Amino acid sequence: MWADAVADALARFEWAFKQPGRYLNASQVWQPGLEVEYARDDLEEAMLHLPRGARRDIGRQIARIDDEFERRTLPPDPGPVSERTVGGWWWSRIRER
């Protein structure tokens, strides 16, 4: 993890959630290759390395992010699991209709 990984990940979600529309647009990303799913991966990784108090604080922010991400995405299509969905549940969500 780099020094500002958590701040960068939180900024990516803040940017994504400010985008208009009910659903997150899969074509709009913070920068090419930096989808919010990668930001969520970074937050998950950071949780493994933070002290208990910081982990609790960031955990509350992550819970709010997860709620909003789930609200602004659709459940996954039933079917075969792709390589990407092997990670966190957020990779299986559909970002637009």
PDB file of N, CA and C in Angstrom:
ATOM      1  N   MET A   1       0.840  -1.173   0.000  1.00  0.00           N
ATOM      2  CA  MET A   1       0.000   0.000   0.000  1.00  0.00           C
ATOM      3  C   MET A   1       0.889   1.242   0.000  1.00  0.00           C
ATOM      4  N   TRP A   2       0.442   2.261  -0.687  1.00  0.00           N
ATOM      5  CA  TRP A   2       1.183   3.518  -0.717  1.00  0.00           C
ATOM      6  C   TRP A   2       0.625   4.455   0.358  1.00  0.00           C
ATOM      7  N   ALA A   3       1.311   5.538   0.589  1.00  0.00           N
ATOM      8  CA  ALA A   3       1.009   6.438   1.705  1.00  0.00           C
ATOM      9  C   ALA A   3      -0.427   6.959   1.704  1.00  0.00           C
ATOM     10  N   ASP A   4      -0.952   7.359   0.577  1.00  0.00           N
ATOM     11  CA  ASP A   4      -2.287   7.954   0.526  1.00  0.00           C
ATOM     12  C   ASP A   4      -3.340   7.019  -0.069  1.00  0.00           C
ATOM     13  N   ALA A   5      -3.134   5.724   0.047  1.00  0.00           N
ATOM     14  CA  ALA A   5      -4.035   4.761  -0.588  1.00  0.00           C
ATOM     15  C   ALA A   5      -5.471   4.907  -0.102  1.00  0.00           C
ATOM     16  N   VAL A   6      -5.671   5.056   1.197  1.00  0.00           N
ATOM     17  CA  VAL A   6      -7.031   5.174   1.726  1.00  0.00           C
ATOM     18  C   VAL A   6      -7.670   6.478   1.262  1.00  0.00           C
ATOM     19  N   ALA A   7      -6.949   7.571   1.352  1.00  0.00           N
ATOM     20  CA  ALA A   7      -7.483   8.858   0.906  1.00  0.00           C
ATOM     21  C   ALA A   7      -7.811   8.825  -0.583  1.00  0.00           C
ATOM     22  N   ASP A   8      -6.954   8.213  -1.385  1.00  0.00           N
ATOM     23  CA  ASP A   8      -7.209   8.105  -2.822  1.00  0.00           C
ATOM     24  C   ASP A   8      -8.466   7.275  -3.093  1.00  0.00           C
ATOM     25  N   ALA A   9      -8.603   6.154  -2.386  1.00  0.00           N
ATOM     26  CA  ALA A   9      -9.768   5.294  -2.581  1.00  0.00           C
ATOM     27  C   ALA A   9     -11.052   6.017  -2.181  1.00  0.00           C
ATOM     28  N   LEU A  10     -11.024   6.716  -1.059  1.00  0.00           N
ATOM     29  CA  LEU A  10     -12.202   7.465  -0.627  1.00  0.00           C
ATOM     30  C   LEU A  10     -12.551   8.567  -1.628  1.00  0.00           C
ATOM     31  N   ALA A  11     -11.537   9.221  -2.186  1.00  0.00           N
ATOM     32  CA  ALA A  11     -11.767  10.270  -3.183  1.00  0.00           C
ATOM     33  C   ALA A  11     -12.398   9.694  -4.452  1.00  0.00           C
ATOM     34  N   ARG A  12     -11.992   8.503  -4.849  1.00  0.00           N
ATOM     35  CA  ARG A  12     -12.583   7.878  -6.039  1.00  0.00           C
ATOM     36  C   ARG A  12     -14.069   7.601  -5.824  1.00  0.00           C
ATOM     37  N   PHE A  13     -14.424   7.125  -4.625  1.00  0.00           N
ATOM     38  CA  PHE A  13     -15.843   6.885  -4.344  1.00  0.00           C
ATOM     39  C   PHE A  13     -16.616   8.187  -4.271  1.00  0.00           C
ATOM     40  N   GLU A  14     -16.038   9.194  -3.646  1.00  0.00           N
ATOM     41  CA  GLU A  14     -16.707  10.495  -3.566  1.00  0.00           C
ATOM     42  C   GLU A  14     -16.995  11.019  -4.968  1.00  0.00           C
ATOM     43  N   TRP A  15     -16.012  10.915  -5.855  1.00  0.00           N
ATOM     44  CA  TRP A  15     -16.183  11.356  -7.241  1.00  0.00           C
ATOM     45  C   TRP A  15     -17.280  10.544  -7.922  1.00  0.00           C
ATOM     46  N   ALA A  16     -17.226   9.220  -7.788  1.00  0.00           N
ATOM     47  CA  ALA A  16     -18.201   8.350  -8.464  1.00  0.00           C
ATOM     48  C   ALA A  16     -19.618   8.625  -7.980  1.00  0.00           C
ATOM     49  N   PHE A  17     -19.782   8.832  -6.682  1.00  0.00           N
ATOM     50  CA  PHE A  17     -21.115   9.027  -6.139  1.00  0.00           C
ATOM     51  C   PHE A  17     -21.683  10.405  -6.466  1.00  0.00           C
ATOM     52  N   LYS A  18     -20.845  11.324  -6.892  1.00  0.00           N
ATOM     53  CA  LYS A  18     -21.329  12.651  -7.315  1.00  0.00           C
ATOM     54  C   LYS A  18     -21.802  12.651  -8.764  1.00  0.00           C
ATOM     55  N   GLN A  19     -21.517  11.581  -9.501  1.00  0.00           N
ATOM     56  CA  GLN A  19     -21.935  11.514 -10.896  1.00  0.00           C
ATOM     57  C   GLN A  19     -23.453  11.406 -10.966  1.00  0.00           C
ATOM     58  N   PRO A  20     -24.073  12.044 -11.960  1.00  0.00           N
ATOM     59  CA  PRO A  20     -25.534  12.018 -12.050  1.00  0.00           C
ATOM     60  C   PRO A  20     -26.059  10.638 -12.427  1.00  0.00           C
ATOM     61  N   GLY A  21     -27.306  10.430 -12.106  1.00  0.00           N
ATOM     62  CA  GLY A  21     -27.970   9.189 -12.490  1.00  0.00           C
ATOM     63  C   GLY A  21     -28.181   8.263 -11.313  1.00  0.00           C
ATOM     64  N   ARG A  22     -29.168   7.419 -11.451  1.00  0.00           N
ATOM     65  CA  ARG A  22     -29.492   6.454 -10.395  1.00  0.00           C
ATOM     66  C   ARG A  22     -28.424   5.382 -10.295  1.00  0.00           C
ATOM     67  N   TYR A  23     -27.897   4.960 -11.447  1.00  0.00           N
ATOM     68  CA  TYR A  23     -26.911   3.882 -11.468  1.00  0.00           C
ATOM     69  C   TYR A  23     -25.550   4.436 -11.845  1.00  0.00           C
ATOM     70  N   LEU A  24     -24.515   3.827 -11.315  1.00  0.00           N
ATOM     71  CA  LEU A  24     -23.165   4.214 -11.701  1.00  0.00           C
ATOM     72  C   LEU A  24     -22.946   3.851 -13.160  1.00  0.00           C
ATOM     73  N   ASN A  25     -22.324   4.725 -13.893  1.00  0.00           N
ATOM     74  CA  ASN A  25     -22.064   4.523 -15.311  1.00  0.00           C
ATOM     75  C   ASN A  25     -20.717   3.813 -15.452  1.00  0.00           C
ATOM     76  N   ALA A  26     -20.731   2.659 -16.069  1.00  0.00           N
ATOM     77  CA  ALA A  26     -19.514   1.863 -16.207  1.00  0.00           C
ATOM     78  C   ALA A  26     -18.464   2.554 -17.064  1.00  0.00           C
ATOM     79  N   SER A  27     -18.883   3.472 -17.921  1.00  0.00           N
ATOM     80  CA  SER A  27     -17.904   4.125 -18.794  1.00  0.00           C
ATOM     81  C   SER A  27     -17.247   5.330 -18.131  1.00  0.00           C
ATOM     82  N   GLN A  28     -17.792   5.791 -17.011  1.00  0.00           N
ATOM     83  CA  GLN A  28     -17.194   6.922 -16.309  1.00  0.00           C
ATOM     84  C   GLN A  28     -16.304   6.404 -15.193  1.00  0.00           C
ATOM     85  N   VAL A  29     -15.036   6.683 -15.283  1.00  0.00           N
ATOM     86  CA  VAL A  29     -14.099   6.264 -14.244  1.00  0.00           C
ATOM     87  C   VAL A  29     -13.241   7.447 -13.836  1.00  0.00           C
ATOM     88  N   TRP A  30     -12.720   7.378 -12.641  1.00  0.00           N
ATOM     89  CA  TRP A  30     -11.850   8.429 -12.090  1.00  0.00           C
ATOM     90  C   TRP A  30     -10.729   8.719 -13.056  1.00  0.00           C
ATOM     91  N   GLN A  31     -10.033   7.693 -13.472  1.00  0.00           N
ATOM     92  CA  GLN A  31      -9.015   7.729 -14.520  1.00  0.00           C
ATOM     93  C   GLN A  31      -9.065   6.360 -15.184  1.00  0.00           C
ATOM     94  N   PRO A  32      -8.628   6.233 -16.418  1.00  0.00           N
ATOM     95  CA  PRO A  32      -8.664   4.913 -17.051  1.00  0.00           C
ATOM     96  C   PRO A  32      -7.977   3.865 -16.184  1.00  0.00           C
ATOM     97  N   GLY A  33      -8.670   2.758 -15.971  1.00  0.00           N
ATOM     98  CA  GLY A  33      -8.117   1.673 -15.180  1.00  0.00           C
ATOM     99  C   GLY A  33      -8.305   1.834 -13.683  1.00  0.00           C
ATOM    100  N   LEU A  34      -8.980   2.897 -13.244  1.00  0.00           N
ATOM    101  CA  LEU A  34      -9.165   3.117 -11.809  1.00  0.00           C
ATOM    102  C   LEU A  34     -10.648   3.095 -11.440  1.00  0.00           C
ATOM    103  N   GLU A  35     -11.319   2.025 -11.794  1.00  0.00           N
ATOM    104  CA  GLU A  35     -12.724   1.880 -11.449  1.00  0.00           C
ATOM    105  C   GLU A  35     -12.868   1.831  -9.933  1.00  0.00           C
ATOM    106  N   VAL A  36     -14.056   2.162  -9.442  1.00  0.00           N
ATOM    107  CA  VAL A  36     -14.270   2.181  -8.005  1.00  0.00           C
ATOM    108  C   VAL A  36     -14.120   0.791  -7.375  1.00  0.00           C
ATOM    109  N   GLU A  37     -14.294  -0.243  -8.163  1.00  0.00           N
ATOM    110  CA  GLU A  37     -14.088  -1.582  -7.620  1.00  0.00           C
ATOM    111  C   GLU A  37     -12.640  -1.763  -7.150  1.00  0.00           C
ATOM    112  N   TYR A  38     -11.708  -1.166  -7.883  1.00  0.00           N
ATOM    113  CA  TYR A  38     -10.310  -1.214  -7.446  1.00  0.00           C
ATOM    114  C   TYR A  38     -10.116  -0.407  -6.162  1.00  0.00           C
ATOM    115  N   ALA A  39     -10.829   0.714  -6.052  1.00  0.00           N
ATOM    116  CA  ALA A  39     -10.762   1.513  -4.827  1.00  0.00           C
ATOM    117  C   ALA A  39     -11.281   0.699  -3.645  1.00  0.00           C
ATOM    118  N   ARG A  40     -12.335  -0.066  -3.874  1.00  0.00           N
ATOM    119  CA  ARG A  40     -12.883  -0.890  -2.784  1.00  0.00           C
ATOM    120  C   ARG A  40     -11.897  -1.985  -2.407  1.00  0.00           C
ATOM    121  N   ASP A  41     -11.203  -2.550  -3.393  1.00  0.00           N
ATOM    122  CA  ASP A  41     -10.134  -3.514  -3.109  1.00  0.00           C
ATOM    123  C   ASP A  41      -9.059  -2.872  -2.226  1.00  0.00           C
ATOM    124  N   ASP A  42      -8.692  -1.631  -2.553  1.00  0.00           N
ATOM    125  CA  ASP A  42      -7.666  -0.927  -1.774  1.00  0.00           C
ATOM    126  C   ASP A  42      -8.120  -0.727  -0.334  1.00  0.00           C
ATOM    127  N   LEU A  43      -9.383  -0.381  -0.131  1.00  0.00           N
ATOM    128  CA  LEU A  43      -9.886  -0.205   1.226  1.00  0.00           C
ATOM    129  C   LEU A  43      -9.865  -1.524   1.993  1.00  0.00           C
ATOM    130  N   GLU A  44     -10.215  -2.587   1.327  1.00  0.00           N
ATOM    131  CA  GLU A  44     -10.194  -3.911   1.959  1.00  0.00           C
ATOM    132  C   GLU A  44      -8.774  -4.273   2.385  1.00  0.00           C
ATOM    133  N   GLU A  45      -7.822  -4.003   1.520  1.00  0.00           N
ATOM    134  CA  GLU A  45      -6.409  -4.272   1.825  1.00  0.00           C
ATOM    135  C   GLU A  45      -5.935  -3.405   2.990  1.00  0.00           C
ATOM    136  N   ALA A  46      -6.314  -2.142   2.993  1.00  0.00           N
ATOM    137  CA  ALA A  46      -5.896  -1.234   4.066  1.00  0.00           C
ATOM    138  C   ALA A  46      -6.417  -1.709   5.417  1.00  0.00           C
ATOM    139  N   MET A  47      -7.624  -2.253   5.440  1.00  0.00           N
ATOM    140  CA  MET A  47      -8.204  -2.719   6.697  1.00  0.00           C
ATOM    141  C   MET A  47      -7.329  -3.786   7.363  1.00  0.00           C
ATOM    142  N   LEU A  48      -6.597  -4.529   6.566  1.00  0.00           N
ATOM    143  CA  LEU A  48      -5.733  -5.578   7.119  1.00  0.00           C
ATOM    144  C   LEU A  48      -4.519  -5.018   7.848  1.00  0.00           C
ATOM    145  N   HIS A  49      -4.167  -3.765   7.565  1.00  0.00           N
ATOM    146  CA  HIS A  49      -2.930  -3.187   8.076  1.00  0.00           C
ATOM    147  C   HIS A  49      -3.135  -2.051   9.079  1.00  0.00           C
ATOM    148  N   LEU A  50      -4.366  -1.615   9.271  1.00  0.00           N
ATOM    149  CA  LEU A  50      -4.626  -0.483  10.162  1.00  0.00           C
ATOM    150  C   LEU A  50      -4.742  -0.933  11.617  1.00  0.00           C
ATOM    151  N   PRO A  51      -4.371  -0.059  12.536  1.00  0.00           N
ATOM    152  CA  PRO A  51      -4.612  -0.375  13.946  1.00  0.00           C
ATOM    153  C   PRO A  51      -6.115  -0.398  14.238  1.00  0.00           C
ATOM    154  N   ARG A  52      -6.488  -1.007  15.336  1.00  0.00           N
ATOM    155  CA  ARG A  52      -7.889  -1.255  15.659  1.00  0.00           C
ATOM    156  C   ARG A  52      -8.764   0.001  15.586  1.00  0.00           C
ATOM    157  N   GLY A  53      -8.345   1.097  16.185  1.00  0.00           N
ATOM    158  CA  GLY A  53      -9.156   2.313  16.180  1.00  0.00           C
ATOM    159  C   GLY A  53      -9.379   2.861  14.781  1.00  0.00           C
ATOM    160  N   ALA A  54      -8.322   2.926  14.002  1.00  0.00           N
ATOM    161  CA  ALA A  54      -8.439   3.411  12.618  1.00  0.00           C
ATOM    162  C   ALA A  54      -9.275   2.449  11.787  1.00  0.00           C
ATOM    163  N   ARG A  55      -9.116   1.161  12.035  1.00  0.00           N
ATOM    164  CA  ARG A  55      -9.899   0.167  11.299  1.00  0.00           C
ATOM    165  C   ARG A  55     -11.391   0.354  11.593  1.00  0.00           C
ATOM    166  N   ARG A  56     -11.727   0.658  12.839  1.00  0.00           N
ATOM    167  CA  ARG A  56     -13.124   0.884  13.208  1.00  0.00           C
ATOM    168  C   ARG A  56     -13.667   2.141  12.505  1.00  0.00           C
ATOM    169  N   ASP A  57     -12.869   3.221  12.489  1.00  0.00           N
ATOM    170  CA  ASP A  57     -13.296   4.462  11.844  1.00  0.00           C
ATOM    171  C   ASP A  57     -13.485   4.288  10.342  1.00  0.00           C
ATOM    172  N   ILE A  58     -12.499   3.699   9.702  1.00  0.00           N
ATOM    173  CA  ILE A  58     -12.597   3.462   8.258  1.00  0.00           C
ATOM    174  C   ILE A  58     -13.714   2.459   7.965  1.00  0.00           C
ATOM    175  N   GLY A  59     -13.894   1.506   8.848  1.00  0.00           N
ATOM    176  CA  GLY A  59     -14.961   0.522   8.675  1.00  0.00           C
ATOM    177  C   GLY A  59     -16.331   1.169   8.596  1.00  0.00           C
ATOM    178  N   ARG A  60     -16.555   2.225   9.395  1.00  0.00           N
ATOM    179  CA  ARG A  60     -17.833   2.942   9.321  1.00  0.00           C
ATOM    180  C   ARG A  60     -17.988   3.629   7.964  1.00  0.00           C
ATOM    181  N   GLN A  61     -16.916   4.214   7.464  1.00  0.00           N
ATOM    182  CA  GLN A  61     -16.977   4.844   6.138  1.00  0.00           C
ATOM    183  C   GLN A  61     -17.208   3.799   5.053  1.00  0.00           C
ATOM    184  N   ILE A  62     -16.545   2.666   5.183  1.00  0.00           N
ATOM    185  CA  ILE A  62     -16.716   1.592   4.197  1.00  0.00           C
ATOM    186  C   ILE A  62     -18.158   1.092   4.206  1.00  0.00           C
ATOM    187  N   ALA A  63     -18.763   0.983   5.371  1.00  0.00           N
ATOM    188  CA  ALA A  63     -20.160   0.534   5.445  1.00  0.00           C
ATOM    189  C   ALA A  63     -21.076   1.485   4.686  1.00  0.00           C
ATOM    190  N   ARG A  64     -20.851   2.789   4.822  1.00  0.00           N
ATOM    191  CA  ARG A  64     -21.655   3.772   4.077  1.00  0.00           C
ATOM    192  C   ARG A  64     -21.383   3.668   2.576  1.00  0.00           C
ATOM    193  N   ILE A  65     -20.116   3.486   2.209  1.00  0.00           N
ATOM    194  CA  ILE A  65     -19.762   3.316   0.799  1.00  0.00           C
ATOM    195  C   ILE A  65     -20.444   2.080   0.231  1.00  0.00           C
ATOM    196  N   ASP A  66     -20.372   0.973   0.965  1.00  0.00           N
ATOM    197  CA  ASP A  66     -20.988  -0.268   0.492  1.00  0.00           C
ATOM    198  C   ASP A  66     -22.490  -0.100   0.306  1.00  0.00           C
ATOM    199  N   ASP A  67     -23.144   0.576   1.247  1.00  0.00           N
ATOM    200  CA  ASP A  67     -24.592   0.801   1.118  1.00  0.00           C
ATOM    201  C   ASP A  67     -24.904   1.600  -0.136  1.00  0.00           C
ATOM    202  N   GLU A  68     -24.152   2.685  -0.370  1.00  0.00           N
ATOM    203  CA  GLU A  68     -24.397   3.529  -1.542  1.00  0.00           C
ATOM    204  C   GLU A  68     -24.036   2.791  -2.835  1.00  0.00           C
ATOM    205  N   PHE A  69     -22.942   2.045  -2.826  1.00  0.00           N
ATOM    206  CA  PHE A  69     -22.546   1.282  -4.012  1.00  0.00           C
ATOM    207  C   PHE A  69     -23.619   0.248  -4.346  1.00  0.00           C
ATOM    208  N   GLU A  70     -24.129  -0.423  -3.324  1.00  0.00           N
ATOM    209  CA  GLU A  70     -25.170  -1.420  -3.556  1.00  0.00           C
ATOM    210  C   GLU A  70     -26.449  -0.751  -4.072  1.00  0.00           C
ATOM    211  N   ARG A  71     -26.778   0.432  -3.544  1.00  0.00           N
ATOM    212  CA  ARG A  71     -27.960   1.160  -3.989  1.00  0.00           C
ATOM    213  C   ARG A  71     -27.830   1.610  -5.443  1.00  0.00           C
ATOM    214  N   ARG A  72     -26.617   1.936  -5.875  1.00  0.00           N
ATOM    215  CA  ARG A  72     -26.415   2.495  -7.214  1.00  0.00           C
ATOM    216  C   ARG A  72     -25.944   1.482  -8.245  1.00  0.00           C
ATOM    217  N   THR A  73     -26.005   0.198  -7.881  1.00  0.00           N
ATOM    218  CA  THR A  73     -25.678  -0.871  -8.822  1.00  0.00           C
ATOM    219  C   THR A  73     -26.793  -1.912  -8.781  1.00  0.00           C
ATOM    220  N   LEU A  74     -26.726  -2.849  -9.680  1.00  0.00           N
ATOM    221  CA  LEU A  74     -27.727  -3.916  -9.766  1.00  0.00           C
ATOM    222  C   LEU A  74     -27.109  -5.236  -9.328  1.00  0.00           C
ATOM    223  N   PRO A  75     -27.946  -6.162  -8.845  1.00  0.00           N
ATOM    224  CA  PRO A  75     -27.422  -7.483  -8.481  1.00  0.00           C
ATOM    225  C   PRO A  75     -26.794  -8.158  -9.698  1.00  0.00           C
ATOM    226  N   PRO A  76     -25.865  -9.059  -9.446  1.00  0.00           N
ATOM    227  CA  PRO A  76     -25.203  -9.745 -10.571  1.00  0.00           C
ATOM    228  C   PRO A  76     -26.170 -10.642 -11.328  1.00  0.00           C
ATOM    229  N   ASP A  77     -25.870 -10.818 -12.609  1.00  0.00           N
ATOM    230  CA  ASP A  77     -26.623 -11.776 -13.406  1.00  0.00           C
ATOM    231  C   ASP A  77     -26.289 -13.179 -12.904  1.00  0.00           C
ATOM    232  N   PRO A  78     -27.300 -14.035 -12.786  1.00  0.00           N
ATOM    233  CA  PRO A  78     -26.972 -15.414 -12.433  1.00  0.00           C
ATOM    234  C   PRO A  78     -26.240 -16.056 -13.605  1.00  0.00           C
ATOM    235  N   GLY A  79     -25.281 -16.824 -13.321  1.00  0.00           N
ATOM    236  CA  GLY A  79     -24.513 -17.465 -14.379  1.00  0.00           C
ATOM    237  C   GLY A  79     -23.119 -17.769 -13.904  1.00  0.00           C
ATOM    238  N   PRO A  80     -22.252 -18.088 -14.827  1.00  0.00           N
ATOM    239  CA  PRO A  80     -20.894 -18.460 -14.434  1.00  0.00           C
ATOM    240  C   PRO A  80     -20.155 -17.292 -13.766  1.00  0.00           C
ATOM    241  N   VAL A  81     -19.305 -17.635 -12.850  1.00  0.00           N
ATOM    242  CA  VAL A  81     -18.507 -16.646 -12.130  1.00  0.00           C
ATOM    243  C   VAL A  81     -17.284 -16.312 -12.971  1.00  0.00           C
ATOM    244  N   SER A  82     -17.045 -15.015 -13.174  1.00  0.00           N
ATOM    245  CA  SER A  82     -15.866 -14.611 -13.928  1.00  0.00           C
ATOM    246  C   SER A  82     -14.680 -14.512 -12.979  1.00  0.00           C
ATOM    247  N   GLU A  83     -13.494 -14.373 -13.550  1.00  0.00           N
ATOM    248  CA  GLU A  83     -12.283 -14.233 -12.738  1.00  0.00           C
ATOM    249  C   GLU A  83     -12.384 -13.024 -11.827  1.00  0.00           C
ATOM    250  N   ARG A  84     -13.002 -11.958 -12.294  1.00  0.00           N
ATOM    251  CA  ARG A  84     -13.095 -10.725 -11.524  1.00  0.00           C
ATOM    252  C   ARG A  84     -13.935 -10.882 -10.266  1.00  0.00           C
ATOM    253  N   THR A  85     -14.977 -11.705 -10.320  1.00  0.00           N
ATOM    254  CA  THR A  85     -15.871 -11.825  -9.174  1.00  0.00           C
ATOM    255  C   THR A  85     -15.302 -12.726  -8.089  1.00  0.00           C
ATOM    256  N   VAL A  86     -14.149 -13.289  -8.300  1.00  0.00           N
ATOM    257  CA  VAL A  86     -13.529 -14.117  -7.281  1.00  0.00           C
ATOM    258  C   VAL A  86     -13.153 -13.258  -6.076  1.00  0.00           C
ATOM    259  N   GLY A  87     -12.919 -11.974  -6.284  1.00  0.00           N
ATOM    260  CA  GLY A  87     -12.577 -11.057  -5.201  1.00  0.00           C
ATOM    261  C   GLY A  87     -13.794 -10.712  -4.371  1.00  0.00           C
ATOM    262  N   GLY A  88     -13.931  -9.465  -4.021  1.00  0.00           N
ATOM    263  CA  GLY A  88     -15.043  -9.008  -3.199  1.00  0.00           C
ATOM    264  C   GLY A  88     -16.366  -8.988  -3.952  1.00  0.00           C
ATOM    265  N   TRP A  89     -17.437  -8.950  -3.184  1.00  0.00           N
ATOM    266  CA  TRP A  89     -18.781  -8.955  -3.752  1.00  0.00           C
ATOM    267  C   TRP A  89     -19.003  -7.795  -4.710  1.00  0.00           C
ATOM    268  N   TRP A  90     -18.282  -6.694  -4.501  1.00  0.00           N
ATOM    269  CA  TRP A  90     -18.481  -5.488  -5.319  1.00  0.00           C
ATOM    270  C   TRP A  90     -18.129  -5.715  -6.775  1.00  0.00           C
ATOM    271  N   TRP A  91     -17.286  -6.683  -7.083  1.00  0.00           N
ATOM    272  CA  TRP A  91     -16.921  -6.954  -8.478  1.00  0.00           C
ATOM    273  C   TRP A  91     -18.065  -7.614  -9.256  1.00  0.00           C
ATOM    274  N   SER A  92     -18.990  -8.231  -8.543  1.00  0.00           N
ATOM    275  CA  SER A  92     -20.081  -8.919  -9.238  1.00  0.00           C
ATOM    276  C   SER A  92     -21.273  -8.019  -9.531  1.00  0.00           C
ATOM    277  N   ARG A  93     -21.296  -6.821  -8.955  1.00  0.00           N
ATOM    278  CA  ARG A  93     -22.415  -5.915  -9.163  1.00  0.00           C
ATOM    279  C   ARG A  93     -22.385  -5.321 -10.576  1.00  0.00           C
ATOM    280  N   ILE A  94     -23.551  -5.031 -11.121  1.00  0.00           N
ATOM    281  CA  ILE A  94     -23.676  -4.447 -12.458  1.00  0.00           C
ATOM    282  C   ILE A  94     -23.849  -2.946 -12.283  1.00  0.00           C
ATOM    283  N   ARG A  95     -23.028  -2.185 -12.992  1.00  0.00           N
ATOM    284  CA  ARG A  95     -22.979  -0.742 -12.752  1.00  0.00           C
ATOM    285  C   ARG A  95     -23.947   0.086 -13.559  1.00  0.00           C
ATOM    286  N   GLU A  96     -24.661  -0.479 -14.494  1.00  0.00           N
ATOM    287  CA  GLU A  96     -25.671   0.293 -15.229  1.00  0.00           C
ATOM    288  C   GLU A  96     -26.674  -0.649 -15.860  1.00  0.00           C
ATOM    289  N   ARG A  97     -27.826  -0.108 -16.163  1.00  0.00           N
ATOM    290  CA  ARG A  97     -28.899  -0.908 -16.809  1.00  0.00           C
ATOM    291  C   ARG A  97     -28.581  -1.155 -18.251  1.00  0.00           C
TER     292      ARG A  97
END
